[in-house]
């Protein structure tokens, strides 16, 4: 009789464990249940390229843009392939600093313009997009009021 108890006890434990695992469901491996099934691979080139408007990073390398921010700063620029910004025109001046940079990461665009008198720098951020971008700007002193609409082309 003792031998049967030794065999029955582990069998009951195993049956209980199987019953409990059926009470919850693990997510499927390699996918997002209920989602689109699309995944975005991490960028291997500094975050500058991606999959267009599918929710991943937008490829803006080599594109030209124009715009004027809320403080009146007019700009004509190119987002260079190497992650730098070529400012062909900044308030009617040729402005090209090696420290002017841009990136797209996780669908967010960031552009940093340096060497600006009195305010030191400007950082514009917002959703990356082709055609037009609505960006929020903050100067090097932490002051806001530099919201910018950039239009592609021009």
Protein backbone atom coordinates (compact mmCIF):
# COMPACT_ATOMS: atom_id res chain seq x y z
CA UNK A 1 0.00 0.00 0.00
CA UNK A 2 2.83 2.39 0.75
CA UNK A 3 4.23 1.80 -2.74
CA UNK A 4 0.97 2.89 -4.36
CA UNK A 5 0.94 6.10 -2.30
CA UNK A 6 4.44 6.91 -3.48
CA UNK A 7 3.34 6.53 -7.12
CA UNK A 8 -0.06 8.24 -6.71
CA UNK A 9 1.26 11.37 -5.00
CA UNK A 10 3.61 12.47 -7.86
CA UNK A 11 0.90 11.59 -10.40
CA UNK A 12 -1.59 13.86 -8.60
CA UNK A 13 0.98 16.63 -8.40
CA UNK A 14 1.68 16.37 -12.14
CA UNK A 15 -2.06 16.38 -12.97
CA UNK A 16 -2.59 19.46 -10.77
CA UNK A 17 0.29 21.26 -12.44
CA UNK A 18 -1.11 20.52 -15.90
CA UNK A 19 -4.54 21.78 -14.85
CA UNK A 20 -3.07 25.01 -13.46
CA UNK A 21 -0.98 25.78 -16.56
CA UNK A 22 -4.16 25.66 -18.63
CA UNK A 23 -5.58 28.53 -16.53
CA UNK A 24 -3.24 31.09 -18.02
CA UNK A 25 -1.86 31.59 -21.51
CA UNK A 26 1.65 32.58 -22.45
CA UNK A 27 2.06 34.97 -25.40
CA UNK A 28 3.19 33.32 -28.63
CA UNK A 29 6.90 33.39 -29.32
CA UNK A 30 8.05 36.00 -31.89
CA UNK A 31 4.85 37.97 -32.32
CA UNK A 32 2.43 40.47 -30.91
CA UNK A 33 -1.03 38.93 -30.44
CA UNK A 34 -3.67 41.23 -31.83
CA UNK A 35 -1.05 43.46 -33.44
CA UNK A 36 -0.14 43.96 -37.05
CA UNK A 37 2.54 41.29 -36.97
CA UNK A 38 5.14 43.86 -38.02
CA UNK A 39 8.27 44.31 -36.01
CA UNK A 40 10.90 47.01 -36.38
CA UNK A 41 14.48 45.86 -36.24
CA UNK A 42 16.89 48.14 -34.44
CA UNK A 43 18.84 50.40 -36.76
CA UNK A 44 22.50 49.57 -37.24
CA UNK A 45 23.47 52.96 -38.70
CA UNK A 46 22.88 55.37 -35.86
CA UNK A 47 19.11 55.47 -36.09
CA UNK A 48 18.84 57.30 -39.38
CA UNK A 49 17.05 54.78 -41.53
CA UNK A 50 13.93 52.75 -41.22
CA UNK A 51 10.75 51.51 -42.77
CA UNK A 52 8.93 54.66 -43.85
CA UNK A 53 5.54 55.45 -42.36
CA UNK A 54 4.94 51.96 -40.91
CA UNK A 55 5.63 53.14 -37.36
CA UNK A 56 9.38 52.50 -37.55
CA UNK A 57 12.12 55.00 -38.20
CA UNK A 58 11.70 57.24 -41.24
CA UNK A 59 14.65 57.49 -43.66
CA UNK A 60 15.43 61.21 -43.90
CA UNK A 61 19.11 60.99 -44.86
CA UNK A 62 19.96 63.30 -47.75
CA UNK A 63 16.67 65.21 -47.66
CA UNK A 64 16.30 69.01 -47.96
CA UNK A 65 14.01 71.09 -45.73
CA UNK A 66 12.89 74.69 -45.25
CA UNK A 67 11.08 76.37 -42.39
CA UNK A 68 10.72 79.23 -39.94
CA UNK A 69 10.41 78.72 -36.21
CA UNK A 70 8.13 80.71 -33.87
CA UNK A 71 11.03 83.04 -32.98
CA UNK A 72 11.47 83.97 -36.65
CA UNK A 73 14.59 81.91 -37.42
CA UNK A 74 14.44 81.07 -41.13
CA UNK A 75 16.33 78.02 -42.31
CA UNK A 76 17.14 76.02 -45.41
CA UNK A 77 18.94 72.80 -44.55
CA UNK A 78 19.97 69.33 -45.63
CA UNK A 79 19.94 66.31 -43.31
CA UNK A 80 23.23 64.77 -44.36
CA UNK A 81 23.83 61.00 -44.62
CA UNK A 82 26.42 61.13 -41.80
CA UNK A 83 23.96 62.57 -39.25
CA UNK A 84 25.09 66.18 -39.55
CA UNK A 85 22.96 69.15 -40.61
CA UNK A 86 24.11 71.34 -43.49
CA UNK A 87 22.56 74.76 -42.95
CA UNK A 88 22.62 76.42 -46.36
CA UNK A 89 20.74 79.40 -44.97
CA UNK A 90 20.17 80.47 -41.39
CA UNK A 91 18.52 83.92 -41.23
CA UNK A 92 20.22 84.90 -44.50
CA UNK A 93 23.62 83.60 -43.36
CA UNK A 94 25.57 80.55 -44.52
CA UNK A 95 25.75 78.54 -41.31
CA UNK A 96 27.56 75.24 -41.19
CA UNK A 97 28.83 73.97 -37.87
CA UNK A 98 30.28 70.46 -37.59
CA UNK A 99 28.37 70.03 -34.33
CA UNK A 100 24.95 70.50 -35.97
CA UNK A 101 23.40 67.03 -35.88
CA UNK A 102 20.17 65.13 -36.45
CA UNK A 103 18.82 61.64 -35.79
CA UNK A 104 15.67 59.57 -35.99
CA UNK A 105 15.17 57.03 -33.23
CA UNK A 106 12.00 55.10 -32.54
CA UNK A 107 10.03 57.39 -34.84
CA UNK A 108 11.25 60.54 -33.04
CA UNK A 109 13.29 63.23 -34.82
CA UNK A 110 15.90 65.36 -33.03
CA UNK A 111 17.93 68.17 -34.63
CA UNK A 112 20.61 70.13 -32.75
CA UNK A 113 21.86 73.48 -34.09
CA UNK A 114 24.86 74.99 -32.26
CA UNK A 115 26.85 78.22 -32.08
CA UNK A 116 23.87 80.60 -32.04
CA UNK A 117 24.50 84.01 -30.54
CA UNK A 118 22.92 84.70 -27.14
CA UNK A 119 20.99 81.41 -26.94
CA UNK A 120 23.95 79.05 -27.58
CA UNK A 121 21.98 76.36 -29.39
CA UNK A 122 18.57 75.08 -30.44
CA UNK A 123 17.23 71.56 -30.13
CA UNK A 124 14.15 70.67 -32.16
CA UNK A 125 12.24 67.46 -31.43
CA UNK A 126 9.08 65.79 -32.67
CA UNK A 127 7.66 62.92 -34.68
CA UNK A 128 9.75 62.05 -37.75
CA UNK A 129 7.85 62.31 -41.01
CA UNK A 130 8.32 62.81 -44.70
CA UNK A 131 6.83 65.91 -46.31
CA UNK A 132 6.32 68.02 -43.19
CA UNK A 133 7.42 67.86 -39.56
CA UNK A 134 5.97 69.75 -36.57
CA UNK A 135 8.78 70.21 -34.05
CA UNK A 136 9.15 71.74 -30.60
CA UNK A 137 12.23 73.88 -30.04
CA UNK A 138 14.20 74.66 -26.88
CA UNK A 139 17.25 76.92 -26.79
CA UNK A 140 20.53 76.36 -24.96
CA UNK A 141 19.25 78.38 -21.99
CA UNK A 142 16.26 76.04 -21.59
CA UNK A 143 13.77 78.56 -22.99
CA UNK A 144 10.92 77.38 -25.21
CA UNK A 145 9.10 79.28 -27.94
CA UNK A 146 10.97 77.94 -30.96
CA UNK A 147 8.29 75.62 -32.40
CA UNK A 148 9.11 74.85 -36.02
CA UNK A 149 7.34 73.54 -39.09
CA UNK A 150 9.81 72.02 -41.55
CA UNK A 151 8.68 71.38 -45.11
CA UNK A 152 10.57 68.88 -47.26
CA UNK A 153 11.97 70.13 -50.55
CA UNK A 154 12.60 73.71 -51.46
